[in-house]
ModelCIF file with pLDDT and N, C-alpha, C, O atoms, coordinates in Angstrom:
data_MODEL
#
_entry.id   MODEL 
#
_entity.id                         1 
_entity.type                       polymer 
_entity.pdbx_number_of_molecules   1 
#
_entity_poly.entity_id                      1 
_entity_poly.type                           'polypeptide(L)' 
_entity_poly.nstd_linkage                   no 
_entity_poly.nstd_monomer                   no 
_entity_poly.pdbx_seq_one_letter_code       PVGAHEVDIDHIYPLAAAWDFGAYAWDSERRRQFGNDIETNLVPT 
_entity_poly.pdbx_seq_one_letter_code_can   PVGAHEVDIDHIYPLAAAWDFGAYAWDSERRRQFGNDIETNLVPT 
_entity_poly.pdbx_strand_id                 A 
#
loop_
_entity_poly_seq.entity_id 
_entity_poly_seq.num 
_entity_poly_seq.mon_id 
_entity_poly_seq.hetero 
1 1  PRO n 
1 2  VAL n 
1 3  GLY n 
1 4  ALA n 
1 5  HIS n 
1 6  GLU n 
1 7  VAL n 
1 8  ASP n 
1 9  ILE n 
1 10 ASP n 
1 11 HIS n 
1 12 ILE n 
1 13 TYR n 
1 14 PRO n 
1 15 LEU n 
1 16 ALA n 
1 17 ALA n 
1 18 ALA n 
1 19 TRP n 
1 20 ASP n 
1 21 PHE n 
1 22 GLY n 
1 23 ALA n 
1 24 TYR n 
1 25 ALA n 
1 26 TRP n 
1 27 ASP n 
1 28 SER n 
1 29 GLU n 
1 30 ARG n 
1 31 ARG n 
1 32 ARG n 
1 33 GLN n 
1 34 PHE n 
1 35 GLY n 
1 36 ASN n 
1 37 ASP n 
1 38 ILE n 
1 39 GLU n 
1 40 THR n 
1 41 ASN n 
1 42 LEU n 
1 43 VAL n 
1 44 PRO n 
1 45 THR n 
#
_struct_asym.id          A 
_struct_asym.entity_id   1 
#
loop_
_ma_qa_metric.id 
_ma_qa_metric.mode 
_ma_qa_metric.name 
_ma_qa_metric.software_group_id 
_ma_qa_metric.type 
1 global pLDDT . pLDDT 
2 local  pLDDT . pLDDT 
#
_ma_qa_metric_global.metric_id      1 
_ma_qa_metric_global.metric_value   97.27 
_ma_qa_metric_global.model_id       1 
_ma_qa_metric_global.ordinal_id     1 
#
loop_
_ma_qa_metric_local.label_asym_id 
_ma_qa_metric_local.label_comp_id 
_ma_qa_metric_local.label_seq_id 
_ma_qa_metric_local.metric_id 
_ma_qa_metric_local.metric_value 
_ma_qa_metric_local.model_id 
_ma_qa_metric_local.ordinal_id 
A PRO 1  2 96.00 1 1  
A VAL 2  2 96.00 1 2  
A GLY 3  2 94.00 1 3  
A ALA 4  2 92.00 1 4  
A HIS 5  2 92.00 1 5  
A GLU 6  2 95.00 1 6  
A VAL 7  2 96.00 1 7  
A ASP 8  2 97.00 1 8  
A ILE 9  2 97.00 1 9  
A ASP 10 2 98.00 1 10 
A HIS 11 2 98.00 1 11 
A ILE 12 2 98.00 1 12 
A TYR 13 2 98.00 1 13 
A PRO 14 2 98.00 1 14 
A LEU 15 2 98.00 1 15 
A ALA 16 2 98.00 1 16 
A ALA 17 2 98.00 1 17 
A ALA 18 2 98.00 1 18 
A TRP 19 2 98.00 1 19 
A ASP 20 2 98.00 1 20 
A PHE 21 2 98.00 1 21 
A GLY 22 2 98.00 1 22 
A ALA 23 2 98.00 1 23 
A TYR 24 2 98.00 1 24 
A ALA 25 2 98.00 1 25 
A TRP 26 2 98.00 1 26 
A ASP 27 2 98.00 1 27 
A SER 28 2 97.00 1 28 
A GLU 29 2 98.00 1 29 
A ARG 30 2 98.00 1 30 
A ARG 31 2 98.00 1 31 
A ARG 32 2 98.00 1 32 
A GLN 33 2 98.00 1 33 
A PHE 34 2 98.00 1 34 
A GLY 35 2 98.00 1 35 
A ASN 36 2 98.00 1 36 
A ASP 37 2 98.00 1 37 
A ILE 38 2 96.00 1 38 
A GLU 39 2 96.00 1 39 
A THR 40 2 98.00 1 40 
A ASN 41 2 98.00 1 41 
A LEU 42 2 98.00 1 42 
A VAL 43 2 98.00 1 43 
A PRO 44 2 97.00 1 44 
A THR 45 2 98.00 1 45 
#
loop_
_atom_site.group_PDB 
_atom_site.id 
_atom_site.type_symbol 
_atom_site.label_atom_id 
_atom_site.label_alt_id 
_atom_site.label_comp_id 
_atom_site.label_asym_id 
_atom_site.label_entity_id 
_atom_site.label_seq_id 
_atom_site.pdbx_PDB_ins_code 
_atom_site.Cartn_x 
_atom_site.Cartn_y 
_atom_site.Cartn_z 
_atom_site.occupancy 
_atom_site.B_iso_or_equiv 
_atom_site.pdbx_formal_charge 
_atom_site.auth_seq_id 
_atom_site.auth_comp_id 
_atom_site.auth_asym_id 
_atom_site.auth_atom_id 
_atom_site.pdbx_PDB_model_num 
ATOM 1   N N  . PRO A 1 1  ? -3.355  -26.943 -8.147 1.00 96.00 ? 1  PRO A N  1 
ATOM 2   C CA . PRO A 1 1  ? -3.840  -26.278 -8.982 1.00 96.00 ? 1  PRO A CA 1 
ATOM 3   C C  . PRO A 1 1  ? -5.403  -25.831 -7.324 1.00 96.00 ? 1  PRO A C  1 
ATOM 4   O O  . PRO A 1 1  ? -5.485  -26.198 -6.152 1.00 96.00 ? 1  PRO A O  1 
ATOM 5   N N  . VAL A 1 2  ? -6.345  -24.857 -8.284 1.00 96.00 ? 2  VAL A N  1 
ATOM 6   C CA . VAL A 1 2  ? -6.783  -24.442 -7.846 1.00 96.00 ? 2  VAL A CA 1 
ATOM 7   C C  . VAL A 1 2  ? -8.067  -23.417 -8.414 1.00 96.00 ? 2  VAL A C  1 
ATOM 8   O O  . VAL A 1 2  ? -7.897  -22.207 -8.560 1.00 96.00 ? 2  VAL A O  1 
ATOM 9   N N  . GLY A 1 3  ? -9.048  -23.941 -8.632 1.00 94.00 ? 3  GLY A N  1 
ATOM 10  C CA . GLY A 1 3  ? -10.124 -22.492 -8.908 1.00 94.00 ? 3  GLY A CA 1 
ATOM 11  C C  . GLY A 1 3  ? -11.249 -21.758 -8.015 1.00 94.00 ? 3  GLY A C  1 
ATOM 12  O O  . GLY A 1 3  ? -11.761 -21.984 -6.918 1.00 94.00 ? 3  GLY A O  1 
ATOM 13  N N  . ALA A 1 4  ? -11.427 -20.492 -9.291 1.00 92.00 ? 4  ALA A N  1 
ATOM 14  C CA . ALA A 1 4  ? -12.122 -19.397 -8.479 1.00 92.00 ? 4  ALA A CA 1 
ATOM 15  C C  . ALA A 1 4  ? -12.808 -20.009 -7.523 1.00 92.00 ? 4  ALA A C  1 
ATOM 16  O O  . ALA A 1 4  ? -12.244 -19.991 -6.429 1.00 92.00 ? 4  ALA A O  1 
ATOM 17  N N  . HIS A 1 5  ? -14.110 -20.689 -7.579 1.00 92.00 ? 5  HIS A N  1 
ATOM 18  C CA . HIS A 1 5  ? -15.011 -21.259 -7.271 1.00 92.00 ? 5  HIS A CA 1 
ATOM 19  C C  . HIS A 1 5  ? -14.826 -21.687 -5.633 1.00 92.00 ? 5  HIS A C  1 
ATOM 20  O O  . HIS A 1 5  ? -15.690 -21.717 -4.756 1.00 92.00 ? 5  HIS A O  1 
ATOM 21  N N  . GLU A 1 6  ? -13.047 -22.078 -5.530 1.00 95.00 ? 6  GLU A N  1 
ATOM 22  C CA . GLU A 1 6  ? -12.715 -23.156 -4.357 1.00 95.00 ? 6  GLU A CA 1 
ATOM 23  C C  . GLU A 1 6  ? -11.883 -22.169 -3.434 1.00 95.00 ? 6  GLU A C  1 
ATOM 24  O O  . GLU A 1 6  ? -11.261 -22.758 -2.549 1.00 95.00 ? 6  GLU A O  1 
ATOM 25  N N  . VAL A 1 7  ? -11.737 -20.733 -3.458 1.00 96.00 ? 7  VAL A N  1 
ATOM 26  C CA . VAL A 1 7  ? -11.131 -20.634 -2.623 1.00 96.00 ? 7  VAL A CA 1 
ATOM 27  C C  . VAL A 1 7  ? -11.361 -19.318 -2.008 1.00 96.00 ? 7  VAL A C  1 
ATOM 28  O O  . VAL A 1 7  ? -11.545 -18.466 -2.877 1.00 96.00 ? 7  VAL A O  1 
ATOM 29  N N  . ASP A 1 8  ? -11.433 -18.693 -0.377 1.00 97.00 ? 8  ASP A N  1 
ATOM 30  C CA . ASP A 1 8  ? -11.091 -17.670 0.286  1.00 97.00 ? 8  ASP A CA 1 
ATOM 31  C C  . ASP A 1 8  ? -10.169 -16.822 -0.046 1.00 97.00 ? 8  ASP A C  1 
ATOM 32  O O  . ASP A 1 8  ? -9.079  -17.174 -0.496 1.00 97.00 ? 8  ASP A O  1 
ATOM 33  N N  . ILE A 1 9  ? -10.603 -15.306 0.192  1.00 97.00 ? 9  ILE A N  1 
ATOM 34  C CA . ILE A 1 9  ? -9.580  -14.231 -0.338 1.00 97.00 ? 9  ILE A CA 1 
ATOM 35  C C  . ILE A 1 9  ? -9.058  -14.689 1.584  1.00 97.00 ? 9  ILE A C  1 
ATOM 36  O O  . ILE A 1 9  ? -9.756  -15.314 2.383  1.00 97.00 ? 9  ILE A O  1 
ATOM 37  N N  . ASP A 1 10 ? -7.755  -14.151 1.807  1.00 98.00 ? 10 ASP A N  1 
ATOM 38  C CA . ASP A 1 10 ? -7.137  -14.113 2.609  1.00 98.00 ? 10 ASP A CA 1 
ATOM 39  C C  . ASP A 1 10 ? -5.849  -13.091 2.849  1.00 98.00 ? 10 ASP A C  1 
ATOM 40  O O  . ASP A 1 10 ? -4.854  -12.844 2.169  1.00 98.00 ? 10 ASP A O  1 
ATOM 41  N N  . HIS A 1 11 ? -6.417  -12.528 4.361  1.00 98.00 ? 11 HIS A N  1 
ATOM 42  C CA . HIS A 1 11 ? -5.200  -11.528 5.152  1.00 98.00 ? 11 HIS A CA 1 
ATOM 43  C C  . HIS A 1 11 ? -3.714  -12.158 5.452  1.00 98.00 ? 11 HIS A C  1 
ATOM 44  O O  . HIS A 1 11 ? -3.197  -12.264 6.565  1.00 98.00 ? 11 HIS A O  1 
ATOM 45  N N  . ILE A 1 12 ? -3.400  -12.376 4.749  1.00 98.00 ? 12 ILE A N  1 
ATOM 46  C CA . ILE A 1 12 ? -1.833  -12.715 4.478  1.00 98.00 ? 12 ILE A CA 1 
ATOM 47  C C  . ILE A 1 12 ? -1.053  -12.630 6.231  1.00 98.00 ? 12 ILE A C  1 
ATOM 48  O O  . ILE A 1 12 ? -0.619  -13.599 6.855  1.00 98.00 ? 12 ILE A O  1 
ATOM 49  N N  . TYR A 1 13 ? -1.074  -10.757 6.831  1.00 98.00 ? 13 TYR A N  1 
ATOM 50  C CA . TYR A 1 13 ? -1.044  -10.683 7.989  1.00 98.00 ? 13 TYR A CA 1 
ATOM 51  C C  . TYR A 1 13 ? -2.614  -10.483 8.312  1.00 98.00 ? 13 TYR A C  1 
ATOM 52  O O  . TYR A 1 13 ? -3.169  -9.508  7.805  1.00 98.00 ? 13 TYR A O  1 
ATOM 53  N N  . PRO A 1 14 ? -3.347  -11.351 9.123  1.00 98.00 ? 14 PRO A N  1 
ATOM 54  C CA . PRO A 1 14 ? -4.516  -12.497 9.904  1.00 98.00 ? 14 PRO A CA 1 
ATOM 55  C C  . PRO A 1 14 ? -4.891  -10.633 10.727 1.00 98.00 ? 14 PRO A C  1 
ATOM 56  O O  . PRO A 1 14 ? -3.976  -10.099 11.353 1.00 98.00 ? 14 PRO A O  1 
ATOM 57  N N  . LEU A 1 15 ? -6.128  -9.976  10.595 1.00 98.00 ? 15 LEU A N  1 
ATOM 58  C CA . LEU A 1 15 ? -6.770  -8.912  10.847 1.00 98.00 ? 15 LEU A CA 1 
ATOM 59  C C  . LEU A 1 15 ? -6.730  -9.106  12.579 1.00 98.00 ? 15 LEU A C  1 
ATOM 60  O O  . LEU A 1 15 ? -6.041  -8.274  13.169 1.00 98.00 ? 15 LEU A O  1 
ATOM 61  N N  . ALA A 1 16 ? -7.203  -9.814  13.147 1.00 98.00 ? 16 ALA A N  1 
ATOM 62  C CA . ALA A 1 16 ? -6.818  -10.202 14.160 1.00 98.00 ? 16 ALA A CA 1 
ATOM 63  C C  . ALA A 1 16 ? -5.529  -9.684  14.506 1.00 98.00 ? 16 ALA A C  1 
ATOM 64  O O  . ALA A 1 16 ? -5.280  -8.655  15.135 1.00 98.00 ? 16 ALA A O  1 
ATOM 65  N N  . ALA A 1 17 ? -4.783  -10.477 14.043 1.00 98.00 ? 17 ALA A N  1 
ATOM 66  C CA . ALA A 1 17 ? -3.522  -10.030 14.633 1.00 98.00 ? 17 ALA A CA 1 
ATOM 67  C C  . ALA A 1 17 ? -3.089  -8.641  14.655 1.00 98.00 ? 17 ALA A C  1 
ATOM 68  O O  . ALA A 1 17 ? -2.622  -7.893  15.514 1.00 98.00 ? 17 ALA A O  1 
ATOM 69  N N  . ALA A 1 18 ? -3.417  -8.538  13.346 1.00 98.00 ? 18 ALA A N  1 
ATOM 70  C CA . ALA A 1 18 ? -2.987  -6.761  13.252 1.00 98.00 ? 18 ALA A CA 1 
ATOM 71  C C  . ALA A 1 18 ? -3.658  -5.984  14.142 1.00 98.00 ? 18 ALA A C  1 
ATOM 72  O O  . ALA A 1 18 ? -3.059  -4.953  14.448 1.00 98.00 ? 18 ALA A O  1 
ATOM 73  N N  . TRP A 1 19 ? -4.885  -6.186  14.733 1.00 98.00 ? 19 TRP A N  1 
ATOM 74  C CA . TRP A 1 19 ? -6.001  -5.989  16.080 1.00 98.00 ? 19 TRP A CA 1 
ATOM 75  C C  . TRP A 1 19 ? -4.537  -5.680  17.380 1.00 98.00 ? 19 TRP A C  1 
ATOM 76  O O  . TRP A 1 19 ? -3.969  -4.689  17.838 1.00 98.00 ? 19 TRP A O  1 
ATOM 77  N N  . ASP A 1 20 ? -4.442  -7.153  17.543 1.00 98.00 ? 20 ASP A N  1 
ATOM 78  C CA . ASP A 1 20 ? -3.823  -6.988  19.013 1.00 98.00 ? 20 ASP A CA 1 
ATOM 79  C C  . ASP A 1 20 ? -2.386  -6.180  18.352 1.00 98.00 ? 20 ASP A C  1 
ATOM 80  O O  . ASP A 1 20 ? -2.182  -5.404  19.285 1.00 98.00 ? 20 ASP A O  1 
ATOM 81  N N  . PHE A 1 21 ? -1.798  -6.022  17.812 1.00 98.00 ? 21 PHE A N  1 
ATOM 82  C CA . PHE A 1 21 ? -0.153  -5.988  17.555 1.00 98.00 ? 21 PHE A CA 1 
ATOM 83  C C  . PHE A 1 21 ? -0.454  -3.942  17.439 1.00 98.00 ? 21 PHE A C  1 
ATOM 84  O O  . PHE A 1 21 ? 0.556   -3.302  17.145 1.00 98.00 ? 21 PHE A O  1 
ATOM 85  N N  . GLY A 1 22 ? -1.411  -3.351  17.608 1.00 98.00 ? 22 GLY A N  1 
ATOM 86  C CA . GLY A 1 22 ? -1.219  -2.092  17.253 1.00 98.00 ? 22 GLY A CA 1 
ATOM 87  C C  . GLY A 1 22 ? -2.226  -1.601  16.746 1.00 98.00 ? 22 GLY A C  1 
ATOM 88  O O  . GLY A 1 22 ? -2.601  -0.538  17.242 1.00 98.00 ? 22 GLY A O  1 
ATOM 89  N N  . ALA A 1 23 ? -3.153  -2.265  15.411 1.00 98.00 ? 23 ALA A N  1 
ATOM 90  C CA . ALA A 1 23 ? -4.518  -1.333  14.123 1.00 98.00 ? 23 ALA A CA 1 
ATOM 91  C C  . ALA A 1 23 ? -5.565  -1.364  15.223 1.00 98.00 ? 23 ALA A C  1 
ATOM 92  O O  . ALA A 1 23 ? -6.683  -1.102  14.777 1.00 98.00 ? 23 ALA A O  1 
ATOM 93  N N  . TYR A 1 24 ? -5.537  -1.599  16.492 1.00 98.00 ? 24 TYR A N  1 
ATOM 94  C CA . TYR A 1 24 ? -6.490  -1.512  17.146 1.00 98.00 ? 24 TYR A CA 1 
ATOM 95  C C  . TYR A 1 24 ? -6.530  0.179   17.553 1.00 98.00 ? 24 TYR A C  1 
ATOM 96  O O  . TYR A 1 24 ? -7.681  0.476   17.232 1.00 98.00 ? 24 TYR A O  1 
ATOM 97  N N  . ALA A 1 25 ? -6.125  0.966   17.888 1.00 98.00 ? 25 ALA A N  1 
ATOM 98  C CA . ALA A 1 25 ? -5.201  2.037   17.519 1.00 98.00 ? 25 ALA A CA 1 
ATOM 99  C C  . ALA A 1 25 ? -5.345  3.133   16.877 1.00 98.00 ? 25 ALA A C  1 
ATOM 100 O O  . ALA A 1 25 ? -4.928  4.211   17.302 1.00 98.00 ? 25 ALA A O  1 
ATOM 101 N N  . TRP A 1 26 ? -5.863  2.998   15.944 1.00 98.00 ? 26 TRP A N  1 
ATOM 102 C CA . TRP A 1 26 ? -5.257  3.138   13.810 1.00 98.00 ? 26 TRP A CA 1 
ATOM 103 C C  . TRP A 1 26 ? -7.061  3.690   14.200 1.00 98.00 ? 26 TRP A C  1 
ATOM 104 O O  . TRP A 1 26 ? -7.915  3.231   14.959 1.00 98.00 ? 26 TRP A O  1 
ATOM 105 N N  . ASP A 1 27 ? -7.029  5.257   12.938 1.00 98.00 ? 27 ASP A N  1 
ATOM 106 C CA . ASP A 1 27 ? -8.513  5.914   12.516 1.00 98.00 ? 27 ASP A CA 1 
ATOM 107 C C  . ASP A 1 27 ? -8.770  4.285   12.056 1.00 98.00 ? 27 ASP A C  1 
ATOM 108 O O  . ASP A 1 27 ? -7.913  3.402   12.060 1.00 98.00 ? 27 ASP A O  1 
ATOM 109 N N  . SER A 1 28 ? -10.336 4.141   11.623 1.00 97.00 ? 28 SER A N  1 
ATOM 110 C CA . SER A 1 28 ? -11.737 4.160   11.083 1.00 97.00 ? 28 SER A CA 1 
ATOM 111 C C  . SER A 1 28 ? -10.293 3.994   9.464  1.00 97.00 ? 28 SER A C  1 
ATOM 112 O O  . SER A 1 28 ? -10.027 2.881   9.012  1.00 97.00 ? 28 SER A O  1 
ATOM 113 N N  . GLU A 1 29 ? -9.770  4.995   9.030  1.00 98.00 ? 29 GLU A N  1 
ATOM 114 C CA . GLU A 1 29 ? -9.810  5.006   6.845  1.00 98.00 ? 29 GLU A CA 1 
ATOM 115 C C  . GLU A 1 29 ? -8.750  3.994   6.815  1.00 98.00 ? 29 GLU A C  1 
ATOM 116 O O  . GLU A 1 29 ? -8.861  2.999   6.099  1.00 98.00 ? 29 GLU A O  1 
ATOM 117 N N  . ARG A 1 30 ? -7.197  4.311   7.942  1.00 98.00 ? 30 ARG A N  1 
ATOM 118 C CA . ARG A 1 30 ? -6.348  3.306   7.846  1.00 98.00 ? 30 ARG A CA 1 
ATOM 119 C C  . ARG A 1 30 ? -6.616  1.849   8.280  1.00 98.00 ? 30 ARG A C  1 
ATOM 120 O O  . ARG A 1 30 ? -5.831  1.029   7.805  1.00 98.00 ? 30 ARG A O  1 
ATOM 121 N N  . ARG A 1 31 ? -7.740  1.302   9.227  1.00 98.00 ? 31 ARG A N  1 
ATOM 122 C CA . ARG A 1 31 ? -7.976  -0.212  9.177  1.00 98.00 ? 31 ARG A CA 1 
ATOM 123 C C  . ARG A 1 31 ? -8.485  -0.373  8.060  1.00 98.00 ? 31 ARG A C  1 
ATOM 124 O O  . ARG A 1 31 ? -8.441  -1.579  7.816  1.00 98.00 ? 31 ARG A O  1 
ATOM 125 N N  . ARG A 1 32 ? -9.080  0.336   7.002  1.00 98.00 ? 32 ARG A N  1 
ATOM 126 C CA . ARG A 1 32 ? -10.315 0.337   5.961  1.00 98.00 ? 32 ARG A CA 1 
ATOM 127 C C  . ARG A 1 32 ? -8.971  0.105   4.936  1.00 98.00 ? 32 ARG A C  1 
ATOM 128 O O  . ARG A 1 32 ? -9.142  -0.696  4.017  1.00 98.00 ? 32 ARG A O  1 
ATOM 129 N N  . GLN A 1 33 ? -7.772  0.707   5.042  1.00 98.00 ? 33 GLN A N  1 
ATOM 130 C CA . GLN A 1 33 ? -6.858  0.570   3.737  1.00 98.00 ? 33 GLN A CA 1 
ATOM 131 C C  . GLN A 1 33 ? -6.794  -0.654  4.055  1.00 98.00 ? 33 GLN A C  1 
ATOM 132 O O  . GLN A 1 33 ? -7.242  -1.585  3.386  1.00 98.00 ? 33 GLN A O  1 
ATOM 133 N N  . PHE A 1 34 ? -5.984  -0.755  5.558  1.00 98.00 ? 34 PHE A N  1 
ATOM 134 C CA . PHE A 1 34 ? -5.426  -2.576  5.417  1.00 98.00 ? 34 PHE A CA 1 
ATOM 135 C C  . PHE A 1 34 ? -6.036  -3.137  5.295  1.00 98.00 ? 34 PHE A C  1 
ATOM 136 O O  . PHE A 1 34 ? -5.698  -3.880  4.373  1.00 98.00 ? 34 PHE A O  1 
ATOM 137 N N  . GLY A 1 35 ? -7.719  -3.591  5.987  1.00 98.00 ? 35 GLY A N  1 
ATOM 138 C CA . GLY A 1 35 ? -8.258  -4.480  5.065  1.00 98.00 ? 35 GLY A CA 1 
ATOM 139 C C  . GLY A 1 35 ? -8.458  -4.802  3.289  1.00 98.00 ? 35 GLY A C  1 
ATOM 140 O O  . GLY A 1 35 ? -9.020  -5.777  2.790  1.00 98.00 ? 35 GLY A O  1 
ATOM 141 N N  . ASN A 1 36 ? -7.834  -3.703  2.612  1.00 98.00 ? 36 ASN A N  1 
ATOM 142 C CA . ASN A 1 36 ? -8.340  -4.288  1.739  1.00 98.00 ? 36 ASN A CA 1 
ATOM 143 C C  . ASN A 1 36 ? -7.065  -3.595  0.747  1.00 98.00 ? 36 ASN A C  1 
ATOM 144 O O  . ASN A 1 36 ? -7.181  -2.937  -0.287 1.00 98.00 ? 36 ASN A O  1 
ATOM 145 N N  . ASP A 1 37 ? -5.898  -3.992  1.445  1.00 98.00 ? 37 ASP A N  1 
ATOM 146 C CA . ASP A 1 37 ? -4.948  -3.866  0.669  1.00 98.00 ? 37 ASP A CA 1 
ATOM 147 C C  . ASP A 1 37 ? -4.435  -4.997  -0.188 1.00 98.00 ? 37 ASP A C  1 
ATOM 148 O O  . ASP A 1 37 ? -3.722  -5.947  0.135  1.00 98.00 ? 37 ASP A O  1 
ATOM 149 N N  . ILE A 1 38 ? -5.064  -4.615  -1.583 1.00 96.00 ? 38 ILE A N  1 
ATOM 150 C CA . ILE A 1 38 ? -5.407  -5.966  -2.371 1.00 96.00 ? 38 ILE A CA 1 
ATOM 151 C C  . ILE A 1 38 ? -3.677  -5.942  -2.657 1.00 96.00 ? 38 ILE A C  1 
ATOM 152 O O  . ILE A 1 38 ? -3.046  -6.999  -2.690 1.00 96.00 ? 38 ILE A O  1 
ATOM 153 N N  . GLU A 1 39 ? -3.124  -4.827  -2.822 1.00 96.00 ? 39 GLU A N  1 
ATOM 154 C CA . GLU A 1 39 ? -1.289  -5.318  -3.664 1.00 96.00 ? 39 GLU A CA 1 
ATOM 155 C C  . GLU A 1 39 ? -0.436  -5.860  -2.872 1.00 96.00 ? 39 GLU A C  1 
ATOM 156 O O  . GLU A 1 39 ? 0.600   -6.324  -3.349 1.00 96.00 ? 39 GLU A O  1 
ATOM 157 N N  . THR A 1 40 ? -0.709  -5.922  -1.387 1.00 98.00 ? 40 THR A N  1 
ATOM 158 C CA . THR A 1 40 ? 0.447   -6.755  -0.359 1.00 98.00 ? 40 THR A CA 1 
ATOM 159 C C  . THR A 1 40 ? -0.500  -7.867  -0.181 1.00 98.00 ? 40 THR A C  1 
ATOM 160 O O  . THR A 1 40 ? -0.645  -8.649  -1.121 1.00 98.00 ? 40 THR A O  1 
ATOM 161 N N  . ASN A 1 41 ? -1.342  -8.078  1.206  1.00 98.00 ? 41 ASN A N  1 
ATOM 162 C CA . ASN A 1 41 ? -2.088  -8.647  1.930  1.00 98.00 ? 41 ASN A CA 1 
ATOM 163 C C  . ASN A 1 41 ? -2.989  -9.085  1.077  1.00 98.00 ? 41 ASN A C  1 
ATOM 164 O O  . ASN A 1 41 ? -3.893  -9.358  1.866  1.00 98.00 ? 41 ASN A O  1 
ATOM 165 N N  . LEU A 1 42 ? -3.257  -9.261  0.385  1.00 98.00 ? 42 LEU A N  1 
ATOM 166 C CA . LEU A 1 42 ? -4.777  -10.149 -0.429 1.00 98.00 ? 42 LEU A CA 1 
ATOM 167 C C  . LEU A 1 42 ? -4.281  -11.343 -1.095 1.00 98.00 ? 42 LEU A C  1 
ATOM 168 O O  . LEU A 1 42 ? -3.840  -11.152 -2.229 1.00 98.00 ? 42 LEU A O  1 
ATOM 169 N N  . VAL A 1 43 ? -4.256  -12.410 -0.690 1.00 98.00 ? 43 VAL A N  1 
ATOM 170 C CA . VAL A 1 43 ? -4.079  -13.506 -2.038 1.00 98.00 ? 43 VAL A CA 1 
ATOM 171 C C  . VAL A 1 43 ? -5.574  -14.615 -1.995 1.00 98.00 ? 43 VAL A C  1 
ATOM 172 O O  . VAL A 1 43 ? -6.221  -14.677 -0.949 1.00 98.00 ? 43 VAL A O  1 
ATOM 173 N N  . PRO A 1 44 ? -5.853  -15.159 -2.814 1.00 97.00 ? 44 PRO A N  1 
ATOM 174 C CA . PRO A 1 44 ? -6.815  -15.848 -3.132 1.00 97.00 ? 44 PRO A CA 1 
ATOM 175 C C  . PRO A 1 44 ? -6.136  -17.863 -2.530 1.00 97.00 ? 44 PRO A C  1 
ATOM 176 O O  . PRO A 1 44 ? -5.045  -18.337 -2.844 1.00 97.00 ? 44 PRO A O  1 
ATOM 177 N N  . THR A 1 45 ? -6.993  -18.423 -1.851 1.00 98.00 ? 45 THR A N  1 
ATOM 178 C CA . THR A 1 45 ? -6.371  -19.914 -1.069 1.00 98.00 ? 45 THR A CA 1 
ATOM 179 C C  . THR A 1 45 ? -7.363  -20.630 -1.033 1.00 98.00 ? 45 THR A C  1 
ATOM 180 O O  . THR A 1 45 ? -7.293  -21.758 -0.546 1.00 98.00 ? 45 THR A O  1 
#
């Protein structure tokens, strides 16, 4: 069990890993969309 006041929002596929694996070559809009992907890549933990 965890409460809303106890969590961080995690990127399942980490931003730094995404950068290394190819996001360095994306345009800024694609990186923004990835960084704020609520449906797939963001969870509270």
